[in-house]
């Protein structure tokens, strides 16, 4: 069962979250940017164990349901030495020991489309790339020794936002509605995506 659907089945309170995001992020919608289809290097997979701890390290709370006070989407493309890396589904989804979802961060993914969801219970909070990467596990140091992935640090990484080079600290890059964020390690992709065709209503 899809983890998002399992989360709703396991937590009746999430009915509001389903209504909030229903149809807003259809992964089948066409994209204006190259959609990563395969992991370029081992070590970028999402480890679902300890998600609640990574959410806390990101300075966020595990919510019982997707929030409705703030709701928007951005898109993230990741490249490692010019090759696309899949952004995993279920970043920011906490699970119990039985593998069943127990809650969700206000900053999360539902699928591998690269669409990043902000669905918060309170409005006005800033969300950053560093928080998302911490939830993913790339910045938590958990797998920092994995060969070739530079996990645990942003040394050697760069970013573009809507086609413009980002010059600030990557962890502080703010995620805004409809941003097209490109995170890359080593050389930038030959063609840097500068926009994303979000589904209608997203």
Protein backbone atom coordinates (compact mmCIF):
# COMPACT_ATOMS: atom_id res chain seq x y z
CA UNK A 1 0.00 0.00 0.00
CA UNK A 2 1.26 3.48 -0.81
CA UNK A 3 2.63 4.99 2.41
CA UNK A 4 0.60 8.16 1.98
CA UNK A 5 -2.61 6.11 1.75
CA UNK A 6 -1.50 3.92 4.64
CA UNK A 7 -0.89 7.05 6.70
CA UNK A 8 -4.46 8.19 6.05
CA UNK A 9 -5.82 4.74 6.83
CA UNK A 10 -3.86 4.52 10.06
CA UNK A 11 -4.68 8.04 11.23
CA UNK A 12 -8.31 9.13 10.68
CA UNK A 13 -7.33 12.73 11.50
CA UNK A 14 -5.42 12.82 8.22
CA UNK A 15 -8.63 13.13 6.24
CA UNK A 16 -8.11 16.90 6.38
CA UNK A 17 -4.62 16.49 4.97
CA UNK A 18 -5.93 14.39 2.10
CA UNK A 19 -8.48 17.05 1.25
CA UNK A 20 -5.81 19.74 1.44
CA UNK A 21 -3.55 18.10 -1.09
CA UNK A 22 -6.03 16.11 -3.17
CA UNK A 23 -5.04 16.34 -6.81
CA UNK A 24 -2.49 19.06 -6.10
CA UNK A 25 0.58 16.99 -6.76
CA UNK A 26 -0.24 14.36 -9.33
CA UNK A 27 3.06 12.67 -10.14
CA UNK A 28 1.74 11.76 -13.59
CA UNK A 29 1.60 15.41 -14.63
CA UNK A 30 4.16 16.45 -17.26
CA UNK A 31 7.29 18.29 -16.15
CA UNK A 32 9.18 21.12 -17.83
CA UNK A 33 12.42 19.95 -16.23
CA UNK A 34 14.20 16.61 -16.60
CA UNK A 35 12.63 14.21 -14.12
CA UNK A 36 15.21 12.02 -12.39
CA UNK A 37 14.31 8.39 -13.01
CA UNK A 38 17.10 6.46 -11.29
CA UNK A 39 19.49 6.86 -8.39
CA UNK A 40 22.90 7.82 -9.78
CA UNK A 41 24.91 6.53 -6.83
CA UNK A 42 24.29 4.25 -3.89
CA UNK A 43 23.66 5.98 -0.59
CA UNK A 44 20.88 8.38 -1.58
CA UNK A 45 18.06 6.02 -0.65
CA UNK A 46 15.72 7.05 2.17
CA UNK A 47 16.11 5.11 5.41
CA UNK A 48 12.63 5.14 6.92
CA UNK A 49 13.97 4.07 10.33
CA UNK A 50 14.54 7.08 12.58
CA UNK A 51 12.50 9.51 10.44
CA UNK A 52 10.92 11.09 13.52
CA UNK A 53 14.39 11.78 14.97
CA UNK A 54 15.58 13.35 11.72
CA UNK A 55 12.44 15.50 11.57
CA UNK A 56 13.23 16.72 15.11
CA UNK A 57 16.88 17.41 14.13
CA UNK A 58 15.52 19.51 11.27
CA UNK A 59 13.73 21.65 13.88
CA UNK A 60 10.29 20.42 12.81
CA UNK A 61 7.48 18.54 14.51
CA UNK A 62 5.77 15.31 13.57
CA UNK A 63 2.14 16.23 12.94
CA UNK A 64 -0.78 13.78 13.21
CA UNK A 65 -2.07 15.14 9.89
CA UNK A 66 -0.97 17.37 7.03
CA UNK A 67 -1.52 20.97 8.09
CA UNK A 68 -3.83 23.33 6.23
CA UNK A 69 -2.73 26.76 7.52
CA UNK A 70 0.13 26.91 4.98
CA UNK A 71 0.07 24.84 1.79
CA UNK A 72 2.39 25.16 -1.19
CA UNK A 73 4.79 23.18 -3.35
CA UNK A 74 8.29 23.52 -4.75
CA UNK A 75 10.31 21.18 -6.97
CA UNK A 76 13.74 19.70 -6.35
CA UNK A 77 16.11 18.18 -8.91
CA UNK A 78 19.30 16.56 -7.60
CA UNK A 79 22.36 15.73 -9.71
CA UNK A 80 25.50 13.88 -8.62
CA UNK A 81 28.42 14.44 -11.01
CA UNK A 82 25.95 15.35 -13.75
CA UNK A 83 23.69 12.33 -13.24
CA UNK A 84 20.14 12.64 -11.86
CA UNK A 85 19.39 11.31 -8.40
CA UNK A 86 15.85 10.33 -7.49
CA UNK A 87 14.31 12.37 -4.68
CA UNK A 88 12.72 9.64 -2.55
CA UNK A 89 9.05 9.35 -1.70
CA UNK A 90 8.04 9.73 1.95
CA UNK A 91 10.76 12.10 3.13
CA UNK A 92 9.34 13.51 6.38
CA UNK A 93 6.99 10.59 7.04
CA UNK A 94 7.49 9.03 10.50
CA UNK A 95 6.96 5.31 11.00
CA UNK A 96 6.48 3.05 13.98
CA UNK A 97 8.46 -0.15 14.65
CA UNK A 98 5.90 -2.03 12.57
CA UNK A 99 6.68 0.11 9.51
CA UNK A 100 3.28 1.83 9.57
CA UNK A 101 3.18 5.64 9.29
CA UNK A 102 2.61 7.44 12.59
CA UNK A 103 2.76 11.09 11.48
CA UNK A 104 4.14 13.55 8.99
CA UNK A 105 6.38 16.61 8.94
CA UNK A 106 5.02 19.87 7.53
CA UNK A 107 7.89 19.55 4.99
CA UNK A 108 7.71 16.28 3.07
CA UNK A 109 7.46 14.36 -0.19
CA UNK A 110 4.75 11.97 -1.30
CA UNK A 111 6.35 10.40 -4.35
CA UNK A 112 9.50 10.43 -6.50
CA UNK A 113 8.42 13.34 -8.72
CA UNK A 114 10.70 15.77 -6.86
CA UNK A 115 7.70 17.81 -5.70
CA UNK A 116 8.30 19.08 -2.17
CA UNK A 117 5.20 19.72 -0.07
CA UNK A 118 4.79 22.28 2.66
CA UNK A 119 1.57 21.54 4.53
CA UNK A 120 1.86 23.21 7.90
CA UNK A 121 -0.44 23.63 10.87
CA UNK A 122 0.71 27.23 11.36
CA UNK A 123 1.40 29.90 8.75
CA UNK A 124 4.49 32.04 8.28
CA UNK A 125 7.32 29.63 9.12
CA UNK A 126 10.28 29.46 6.72
CA UNK A 127 11.34 26.04 5.46
CA UNK A 128 14.80 25.37 4.10
CA UNK A 129 16.69 22.99 1.88
CA UNK A 130 18.83 22.06 4.89
CA UNK A 131 15.74 20.89 6.76
CA UNK A 132 14.61 18.74 3.84
CA UNK A 133 18.07 17.21 3.42
CA UNK A 134 18.22 16.51 7.16
CA UNK A 135 14.88 14.71 6.96
CA UNK A 136 16.17 12.78 3.93
CA UNK A 137 19.28 11.80 5.91
CA UNK A 138 21.84 13.48 3.67
CA UNK A 139 22.84 16.03 6.32
CA UNK A 140 22.46 13.96 9.48
CA UNK A 141 25.88 12.32 9.17
CA UNK A 142 24.22 8.90 9.50
CA UNK A 143 25.80 7.57 6.31
CA UNK A 144 28.66 10.05 5.93
CA UNK A 145 31.14 7.28 5.13
CA UNK A 146 29.18 5.94 2.17
CA UNK A 147 31.67 6.00 -0.69
CA UNK A 148 31.06 8.58 -3.39
CA UNK A 149 28.00 10.31 -2.01
CA UNK A 150 29.44 13.02 0.29
CA UNK A 151 26.61 12.44 2.75
CA UNK A 152 26.74 14.37 5.99
CA UNK A 153 28.17 17.53 4.42
CA UNK A 154 27.35 20.03 1.68
CA UNK A 155 31.00 20.48 0.71
CA UNK A 156 31.26 20.25 -3.07
CA UNK A 157 27.55 20.87 -3.61
CA UNK A 158 25.97 23.86 -5.39
CA UNK A 159 22.46 25.02 -6.21
CA UNK A 160 20.35 26.98 -8.65
CA UNK A 161 16.92 28.45 -8.00
CA UNK A 162 14.72 29.10 -11.05
CA UNK A 163 17.84 28.93 -13.22
CA UNK A 164 19.88 31.46 -11.20
CA UNK A 165 22.99 30.37 -9.28
CA UNK A 166 22.43 30.44 -5.54
CA UNK A 167 25.32 32.01 -3.66
CA UNK A 168 24.33 31.66 0.00
CA UNK A 169 24.76 28.77 2.43
CA UNK A 170 22.92 25.81 0.90
CA UNK A 171 21.39 24.68 4.18
CA UNK A 172 19.75 28.12 4.50
CA UNK A 173 18.21 28.11 1.01
CA UNK A 174 14.56 28.95 1.64
CA UNK A 175 11.95 26.82 -0.09
CA UNK A 176 9.27 29.05 -1.62
CA UNK A 177 6.11 28.28 -3.55
CA UNK A 178 6.80 27.03 -7.08
CA UNK A 179 10.58 27.27 -6.77
CA UNK A 180 12.56 25.04 -9.11
CA UNK A 181 15.58 24.10 -7.00
CA UNK A 182 18.53 22.29 -8.53
CA UNK A 183 21.02 20.78 -6.10
CA UNK A 184 24.16 19.35 -7.66
CA UNK A 185 27.47 17.80 -6.62
CA UNK A 186 30.59 18.29 -8.73
CA UNK A 187 29.77 19.72 -12.13
CA UNK A 188 26.38 21.27 -12.77
CA UNK A 189 24.11 19.49 -15.26
CA UNK A 190 24.62 20.48 -18.89
CA UNK A 191 21.17 22.08 -18.94
CA UNK A 192 20.04 23.46 -15.59
CA UNK A 193 16.25 23.17 -15.17
CA UNK A 194 14.77 26.63 -14.55
CA UNK A 195 11.08 25.80 -14.14
CA UNK A 196 8.70 22.96 -13.39
CA UNK A 197 5.18 22.39 -14.74
CA UNK A 198 3.24 21.93 -11.52
CA UNK A 199 -0.10 20.13 -11.74
CA UNK A 200 -3.17 22.33 -11.95
CA UNK A 201 -4.06 23.74 -8.55
CA UNK A 202 -0.67 23.01 -7.02
